[in-house]
Structures are given as C-alpha cells and as structure tokens.
Protein backbone atom coordinates (compact mmCIF):
# COMPACT_ATOMS: atom_id res chain seq x y z
CA MET A 1 134.39 25.36 -79.25
CA SER A 2 136.30 27.97 -80.82
CA LYS A 3 138.99 29.96 -79.22
CA SER A 4 137.24 33.25 -79.21
CA THR A 5 134.37 31.54 -77.49
CA ARG A 6 136.58 29.91 -74.89
CA SER A 7 138.29 33.31 -74.26
CA ILE A 8 134.89 34.92 -73.67
CA ILE A 9 133.39 32.17 -71.41
CA LEU A 10 136.90 32.50 -69.46
CA ALA A 11 136.81 36.22 -69.10
CA THR A 12 133.08 36.25 -68.06
CA VAL A 13 134.09 33.43 -65.41
CA ALA A 14 137.03 35.54 -64.13
CA LEU A 15 134.70 38.80 -63.96
CA PHE A 16 132.29 36.76 -61.86
CA LEU A 17 134.63 35.57 -59.47
CA ILE A 18 136.29 39.00 -59.15
CA GLY A 19 132.80 40.36 -58.72
CA ALA A 20 131.82 37.57 -56.19
CA GLY A 21 135.46 38.35 -54.28
CA ILE A 22 134.30 41.99 -54.37
CA TYR A 23 130.93 41.56 -52.75
CA LEU A 24 132.03 38.92 -50.18
CA PHE A 25 134.54 41.29 -49.14
CA ASN A 26 132.53 44.46 -49.13
CA GLY A 27 129.16 43.03 -48.70
CA ASP A 28 127.15 42.83 -45.36
CA GLU A 29 130.36 41.50 -43.30
CA GLY A 30 128.21 42.54 -40.08
CA ALA A 31 126.19 39.62 -40.71
CA SER A 32 129.02 37.28 -39.87
CA ALA A 33 128.70 35.44 -36.61
CA THR A 34 132.39 36.04 -35.81
CA GLN A 35 134.03 39.69 -36.30
CA VAL A 36 137.85 39.75 -36.46
CA THR A 37 140.38 42.31 -36.37
CA ASP A 38 143.97 42.59 -36.09
CA ASP A 39 143.94 46.16 -35.46
CA ALA A 40 143.98 45.66 -31.86
CA TYR A 41 146.47 46.43 -28.91
CA LEU A 42 146.87 46.05 -25.24
CA ARG A 43 146.09 49.15 -23.56
CA ALA A 44 145.99 50.31 -19.63
CA ASP A 45 144.95 53.87 -18.25
CA PHE A 46 148.42 54.78 -16.89
CA THR A 47 149.01 57.83 -14.65
CA VAL A 48 151.36 60.43 -15.06
CA VAL A 49 153.21 61.84 -11.86
CA ALA A 50 153.92 65.52 -11.86
CA PRO A 51 154.93 67.99 -8.93
CA ARG A 52 152.95 70.50 -7.43
CA ILE A 53 155.55 72.84 -6.41
CA THR A 54 158.94 74.22 -8.17
CA GLY A 55 162.33 72.83 -6.59
CA GLU A 56 165.32 70.73 -7.01
CA VAL A 57 164.91 66.93 -7.00
CA ALA A 58 166.77 65.61 -3.93
CA ALA A 59 166.02 61.78 -4.04
CA LEU A 60 164.60 59.19 -6.32
CA HIS A 61 162.98 55.96 -4.76
CA VAL A 62 162.14 54.23 -7.82
CA GLU A 63 164.01 52.75 -10.82
CA ASP A 64 162.73 52.05 -14.19
CA TYR A 65 160.06 49.35 -14.65
CA GLN A 66 160.02 48.86 -10.64
CA PRO A 67 156.38 47.69 -9.52
CA VAL A 68 155.23 50.03 -6.65
CA ASN A 69 152.12 50.02 -4.48
CA ALA A 70 149.91 53.20 -3.67
CA GLY A 71 151.52 55.12 -1.05
CA ASP A 72 154.89 54.08 -1.99
CA PRO A 73 157.47 57.11 -2.15
CA LEU A 74 158.60 57.88 -5.64
CA VAL A 75 160.47 61.51 -5.49
CA ASP A 76 161.57 64.12 -2.91
CA ILE A 77 162.12 67.72 -3.69
CA ASP A 78 164.50 69.81 -1.43
CA ASP A 79 162.31 71.15 1.12
CA ARG A 80 164.42 73.26 3.34
CA ASP A 81 162.88 76.64 2.22
CA LEU A 82 159.62 74.81 2.93
CA LYS A 83 160.55 73.93 6.39
CA LEU A 84 161.56 77.54 6.90
CA ALA A 85 158.31 78.89 5.60
CA LEU A 86 156.64 76.61 8.01
CA GLN A 87 158.72 77.63 10.93
CA GLN A 88 157.70 81.16 10.23
CA ALA A 89 154.00 80.43 9.90
CA GLU A 90 153.94 78.66 13.22
CA ALA A 91 155.88 81.75 14.92
CA GLU A 92 153.19 83.93 13.41
CA GLN A 93 150.47 81.73 14.66
CA ALA A 94 151.99 81.68 18.15
CA ARG A 95 152.47 85.47 18.02
CA ALA A 96 148.60 85.80 16.79
CA GLU A 97 147.71 83.51 19.73
CA ALA A 98 149.35 85.30 22.18
CA GLN A 99 147.84 88.33 21.22
CA VAL A 100 144.41 87.20 21.35
CA ASP A 101 145.08 85.80 24.92
CA THR A 102 146.47 89.35 25.87
CA LEU A 103 143.38 91.26 24.70
CA ALA A 104 141.20 88.67 26.26
CA GLN A 105 142.69 89.17 29.74
CA GLN A 106 142.64 92.99 28.92
CA ILE A 107 138.94 92.71 28.25
CA GLU A 108 138.29 90.77 31.70
CA ARG A 109 140.58 93.66 33.76
CA GLN A 110 138.77 96.34 32.08
CA LYS A 111 135.21 94.74 32.81
CA SER A 112 136.43 94.60 36.46
CA GLN A 113 137.05 98.33 36.30
CA VAL A 114 133.60 98.96 34.95
CA ALA A 115 132.34 96.94 37.83
CA LYS A 116 134.38 99.17 40.45
CA ALA A 117 133.01 102.24 38.49
CA LEU A 118 129.47 101.25 38.82
CA ALA A 119 130.03 100.57 42.53
CA VAL A 120 131.30 104.05 42.86
CA ILE A 121 128.54 105.48 41.13
CA GLU A 122 126.31 103.78 43.41
CA VAL A 123 127.95 105.22 46.42
CA ASP A 124 127.99 108.69 44.66
CA ARG A 125 124.23 108.28 44.31
CA SER A 126 123.75 107.39 47.98
CA LYS A 127 125.67 110.41 49.15
CA LEU A 128 123.92 112.81 46.65
CA THR A 129 120.54 111.77 48.06
CA LEU A 130 121.74 112.20 51.45
CA ALA A 131 123.35 115.73 50.42
CA LYS A 132 120.11 117.00 48.84
CA ALA A 133 118.07 115.89 52.06
CA ASP A 134 120.75 117.86 54.17
CA PHE A 135 120.58 120.67 51.59
CA GLN A 136 116.47 120.80 51.85
CA ARG A 137 116.53 120.55 55.48
CA PHE A 138 119.19 123.41 56.37
CA SER A 139 117.41 125.48 53.52
CA ASN A 140 113.90 124.98 55.32
CA LEU A 141 115.79 125.82 58.67
CA ALA A 142 117.18 128.87 57.33
CA ASN A 143 113.82 130.02 55.77
CA GLU A 144 112.28 129.36 59.20
CA GLY A 145 114.91 131.35 60.98
CA SER A 146 115.65 128.05 63.11
CA GLY A 147 119.02 127.64 61.26
CA THR A 148 122.04 129.73 59.81
CA ARG A 149 122.54 130.74 56.54
CA GLN A 150 126.10 129.46 56.68
CA ALA A 151 124.93 125.88 57.48
CA LYS A 152 122.66 126.20 54.23
CA GLU A 153 125.71 127.31 52.23
CA ARG A 154 127.77 124.57 53.56
CA ALA A 155 124.96 122.12 52.58
CA ARG A 156 125.07 123.71 49.12
CA ALA A 157 128.65 123.27 48.69
CA GLU A 158 128.52 119.80 49.87
CA LEU A 159 125.86 118.95 47.51
CA ASP A 160 127.58 120.48 44.25
CA GLY A 161 130.89 118.86 45.18
CA LEU A 162 129.03 115.52 45.17
CA LYS A 163 127.33 116.44 42.08
CA ALA A 164 130.77 117.04 40.45
CA THR A 165 132.33 114.01 41.84
CA ALA A 166 129.47 111.93 40.72
CA ALA A 167 129.65 113.53 37.10
CA ARG A 168 133.43 112.80 36.94
CA ASP A 169 132.67 109.05 38.10
CA GLU A 170 130.16 108.78 35.61
CA ALA A 171 132.38 109.89 32.76
CA GLU A 172 135.02 107.44 33.95
CA LEU A 173 132.25 104.51 33.92
CA ASN A 174 131.62 105.72 30.28
CA ALA A 175 135.35 105.69 29.36
CA ALA A 176 135.84 102.18 30.83
CA ARG A 177 132.81 100.79 29.04
CA GLN A 178 134.00 102.43 25.60
CA GLN A 179 137.51 100.81 26.42
CA VAL A 180 135.92 97.54 26.63
CA GLU A 181 134.10 98.15 23.26
CA VAL A 182 137.58 99.25 21.89
CA LEU A 183 139.11 96.04 23.21
CA LYS A 184 136.65 93.82 21.70
CA ALA A 185 137.13 95.39 18.39
CA GLN A 186 140.71 94.90 18.80
CA LEU A 187 140.11 91.09 19.75
CA LYS A 188 137.96 90.49 17.02
CA ALA A 189 140.68 91.59 14.72
CA ALA A 190 143.20 89.52 16.43
CA GLU A 191 141.11 86.29 16.08
CA ALA A 192 140.91 86.96 12.48
CA GLY A 193 144.53 87.45 12.29
CA GLN A 194 144.76 84.28 14.36
CA ALA A 195 142.42 82.18 11.99
CA ALA A 196 144.72 83.80 9.09
CA SER A 197 147.68 82.41 10.70
CA VAL A 198 146.18 78.98 11.20
CA SER A 199 145.40 78.75 7.54
CA ALA A 200 149.19 80.15 6.94
CA VAL A 201 150.28 77.09 8.84
CA ASP A 202 147.99 74.47 7.04
CA ASN A 203 148.97 75.94 3.82
CA ALA A 204 152.51 75.71 4.62
CA LYS A 205 152.31 72.18 5.93
CA LEU A 206 150.55 71.17 2.74
CA GLN A 207 153.24 72.84 0.58
CA LEU A 208 155.64 70.77 2.46
CA SER A 209 154.05 67.62 2.07
CA TYR A 210 153.84 68.15 -1.87
CA ALA A 211 157.76 67.96 -1.53
CA HIS A 212 157.45 64.10 -0.92
CA ILE A 213 155.56 62.65 -4.05
CA ALA A 214 154.08 59.40 -3.37
CA ALA A 215 152.39 56.66 -5.78
CA PRO A 216 148.88 57.66 -6.13
CA VAL A 217 148.30 54.08 -7.54
CA SER A 218 149.83 50.87 -7.91
CA GLY A 219 151.44 50.04 -11.03
CA VAL A 220 154.94 49.64 -12.77
CA VAL A 221 157.35 52.60 -13.25
CA ALA A 222 157.56 53.96 -16.79
CA GLN A 223 159.14 56.76 -18.79
CA ARG A 224 161.08 58.02 -15.77
CA ARG A 225 162.16 61.56 -16.40
CA ALA A 226 162.89 62.73 -13.12
CA ARG A 227 166.84 62.66 -12.25
CA VAL A 228 168.57 63.87 -8.96
CA GLY A 229 169.64 67.48 -9.03
CA GLY A 230 166.82 68.23 -11.75
CA TYR A 231 165.07 71.27 -11.36
CA VAL A 232 161.17 70.57 -11.85
CA HIS A 233 157.82 72.83 -12.01
CA PRO A 234 154.40 71.91 -11.63
CA GLY A 235 152.98 69.98 -13.92
CA ASP A 236 156.49 68.48 -15.44
CA ALA A 237 156.08 64.82 -16.27
CA LEU A 238 158.63 63.07 -13.84
CA LEU A 239 157.41 59.35 -14.41
CA ALA A 240 154.39 57.29 -15.41
CA LEU A 241 152.49 54.46 -13.54
CA VAL A 242 151.11 51.63 -15.65
CA PRO A 243 148.67 49.35 -13.77
CA LEU A 244 149.01 46.14 -15.67
CA ASP A 245 146.58 44.54 -13.43
CA GLN A 246 144.22 46.59 -15.19
CA ILE A 247 145.03 46.02 -18.75
CA TYR A 248 142.57 45.70 -21.35
CA VAL A 249 142.40 45.43 -25.16
CA GLN A 250 141.28 48.21 -27.70
CA ALA A 251 140.16 46.63 -31.01
CA ASN A 252 139.31 49.03 -34.02
CA PHE A 253 136.62 47.31 -35.82
CA ARG A 254 135.43 48.66 -39.32
CA GLU A 255 131.93 50.26 -38.78
CA THR A 256 130.58 47.62 -41.09
CA GLN A 257 131.60 44.94 -38.54
CA LEU A 258 129.64 46.68 -35.57
CA THR A 259 126.31 45.86 -36.74
CA HIS A 260 125.55 43.29 -34.22
CA MET A 261 128.17 43.99 -31.76
CA GLN A 262 127.32 44.99 -27.98
CA PRO A 263 128.64 44.89 -24.66
CA GLY A 264 129.00 41.65 -22.88
CA GLN A 265 129.55 39.40 -26.11
CA LYS A 266 132.51 36.90 -25.71
CA VAL A 267 135.73 37.60 -27.17
CA SER A 268 138.81 35.07 -28.21
CA ILE A 269 142.21 36.91 -28.01
CA SER A 270 145.59 35.94 -29.38
CA VAL A 271 148.53 37.83 -28.85
CA ASP A 272 151.27 38.21 -31.19
CA SER A 273 154.19 37.84 -28.89
CA PHE A 274 152.97 34.61 -27.38
CA PRO A 275 151.46 32.66 -30.12
CA ASP A 276 150.59 29.62 -27.75
CA LEU A 277 148.75 31.92 -25.53
CA GLU A 278 144.66 32.29 -25.71
CA LEU A 279 142.83 34.65 -23.81
CA GLU A 280 139.29 35.38 -22.97
CA GLY A 281 137.45 38.69 -22.60
CA VAL A 282 134.03 40.39 -23.32
CA VAL A 283 133.12 43.44 -25.05
CA ASP A 284 133.07 46.26 -22.54
CA ASN A 285 131.86 48.99 -24.64
CA ILE A 286 132.08 50.40 -27.97
CA GLY A 287 133.78 53.85 -28.49
CA PRO A 288 131.39 56.97 -29.14
CA ALA A 289 133.12 58.13 -32.35
CA SER A 290 135.86 57.10 -34.74
CA SER A 291 139.35 58.32 -34.21
CA VAL A 292 139.33 60.50 -37.21
CA SER A 293 136.50 62.50 -35.56
CA PHE A 294 138.96 63.77 -33.12
CA SER A 295 141.56 64.57 -35.42
CA PRO A 296 142.60 68.59 -35.28
CA VAL A 297 142.00 68.88 -39.00
CA ALA A 298 138.62 66.87 -39.64
CA PRO A 299 138.13 65.93 -42.91
CA HIS A 300 135.49 67.89 -45.27
CA ASN A 301 133.79 66.12 -48.03
CA ALA A 302 131.58 69.18 -49.11
CA THR A 303 133.94 69.46 -52.55
CA GLY A 304 132.94 67.47 -55.66
CA ASN A 305 135.63 65.00 -55.08
CA PHE A 306 134.66 62.36 -52.59
CA THR A 307 135.82 58.79 -51.84
CA LYS A 308 134.12 56.74 -49.48
CA ILE A 309 136.31 55.32 -46.61
CA VAL A 310 135.31 52.88 -44.38
CA GLN A 311 135.83 54.13 -40.57
CA ARG A 312 137.14 52.33 -37.86
CA LEU A 313 135.73 52.64 -34.17
CA PRO A 314 137.74 51.60 -30.92
CA VAL A 315 135.91 48.82 -28.94
CA LYS A 316 137.15 48.21 -25.46
CA ILE A 317 137.43 44.58 -24.39
CA ARG A 318 138.00 43.62 -20.91
CA LEU A 319 140.11 40.65 -20.18
CA THR A 320 138.47 37.68 -18.05
CA SER A 321 141.34 35.24 -18.21
CA ALA A 322 142.91 34.07 -15.05
CA PRO A 323 145.59 36.53 -13.52
CA GLU A 324 148.44 34.05 -14.29
CA LYS A 325 147.65 34.16 -17.96
CA LEU A 326 147.97 38.02 -17.81
CA ALA A 327 151.35 38.50 -16.00
CA SER A 328 153.30 38.46 -19.32
CA LEU A 329 151.37 41.08 -21.11
CA ARG A 330 152.56 44.49 -21.62
CA VAL A 331 150.77 47.72 -22.97
CA GLY A 332 150.98 48.05 -26.36
CA MET A 333 151.61 44.49 -27.65
CA SER A 334 149.49 43.78 -30.89
CA VAL A 335 146.62 41.26 -30.47
CA ILE A 336 143.95 39.60 -32.70
CA THR A 337 140.55 39.64 -31.57
CA GLN A 338 137.62 37.36 -32.66
CA VAL A 339 134.16 38.55 -31.19
CA GLN A 340 131.28 36.17 -31.11
CA VAL A 341 128.36 38.53 -32.19
CA ARG A 342 126.11 35.61 -32.86
C-alpha cells in the first residue's frame, strides 16, 4: 500500500471518528436512560426580613448564622414615639366614649322632659274642655237673662287664658321633641367619632407591634445587615432567614435532555463538597421557561446572522434522603445530578 493511499485511509477514518463523536455528542441525547448535569446547585426559598416602620434599631436578638424558630424575636426598633401615640389615641378614645355616654344620658333626660310636657298638655286639654263648657253655660245663661254678662266675660277670659297656656305648653313640647332629635344627631356623630377613636387605637397598637420584629419562619440567619443604632426604613433588608430543612436542588438541563424527563422520576445526587455523600431525590417540576427568557435584554434572532445555542431549563429536584444526611448541606453548593428517565 502506497504512502498516499495510507494517508487517505487514515484521514477518512479520522473524519469518520470525528463525525461519529459529533453525532454522539449532539445527537439524540434525550434517548439516553440517564440524564446527567453538573450545572446544578442547592437552593432554598429564603425569606428577607424587613421593617414596616421607620426608626432606630434599639436591639438585635440574633447573630449571623444562628438558627431560629418561627416567632423568635429578631429586631427591636425604638418604640417610644409609638407608645406616646398609643397613649394619645387611648385618651382620645376615652374622651369619645365619655361624650357618647353624656349624650345618651342627656337624651334620656330630655325624653323625660317630653313625657312631662305631654302630661302638662293632657292637663291643659282637660282644663280647656271644662273652660269651654263653663263658657258655653255662662253664655247660655246670659242670653236667657238668668246669668250676668260679667260671669260670661270671666268665663271667656278664663278660656282664653287656658288656650294661651295650652299653646305655650304645646310649643314647649315641640321644642323638647326637637331637642331630642338634635341630641340624637349629636350622639350619632359622637358614636362615629368613638368608632374612629377605636380604629385609631387599633392602628396605634399595630404600629407599636411593628417595632418588635419576630421570625416569620424557621431558618438560619444570613446576610444580617441590621445594626444597633442604625436607622431603617420600611422595606430595608435587615436579614434573611434560610430554611435549610427545605433545601432542594435546581439543575439546569439542556433542552435536548428533557425529552423523556417528567416529575416523579428518581434522581441520584452527589455533592462536590462531600464526595462520599450520596443523596436521593425525585424530579419535582420542570421550569416553564429558560433562564434567558427572563433576561432584561432578550436575544433577537431576526437578523441574518444566527447561531443556534442549546438552551437550558431549570428542573427542581426534591431531596428524599434521611434528614441526617441533609444536615451538612448549604445553599449554593454545587452538585451533580443523574435523572433516571427510563
């Protein structure tokens, strides 16, 4: 075999091997029974603790990396102004309640005045009935000549006086009734003020409670930025709570690896920090979009130049190993995942 022929054969074999390698690398990798990636990390949904009020940090009850339980005290903000505001709100509430009580008592007294006025009106009506009868009788006697004109005039004067008295008493009754309505309107306004004062007290208590920040969830303290004497505003990140007991794996698989991947499939996990530690898990869910889809500057391939790039999608893997195996894990550690898709 000539040297040139041998060279051609070797070149052909080399090209075949290169082509086979490229095919195996870029071919239908989704058909493999096991899908592996080292683009995977431990994650946890941590909680950022922030104040709801403005103020000076008065006390810190936790240190960096300290485990805490839900409800444990974390940070106290100076609450002296808030306590004064609560005292003022409570004083206003007491004043509003006293005003309501006073008006209610005035209404009851005024109702008794109305009752008395009604009784007087009844007496006036009885007297008027009698006076009208007397006047009619004296008028008849005077007309018949059996009575004197003076007696008739006295009866008329008595009747007119009783009519005037009845009119005055009727006016007093109407005034008393109107005063009841006025007091009722004032009571309604006072009750509205009382309700507002109750709301003000509740709000003052709520604001005071915001000065004492407790752990919303159990976890480990991280990124503690709060310092005694520091001035904080609503929304400022004071610290983060990392729930290590809820740690999971986020693995970024190439899109070509997801052909047969689905939730519930078993996963073998090895941790770079602990080579001898083998963990188990299951596929919890597959992300709805690739990471680049959420990029502020999304790529546009409408131009004539285009290079296809295999995308990666996040896959959430839930750890199923015993808790004692997970105790040493920390968020951010790199892992290697092997998903059994067949």
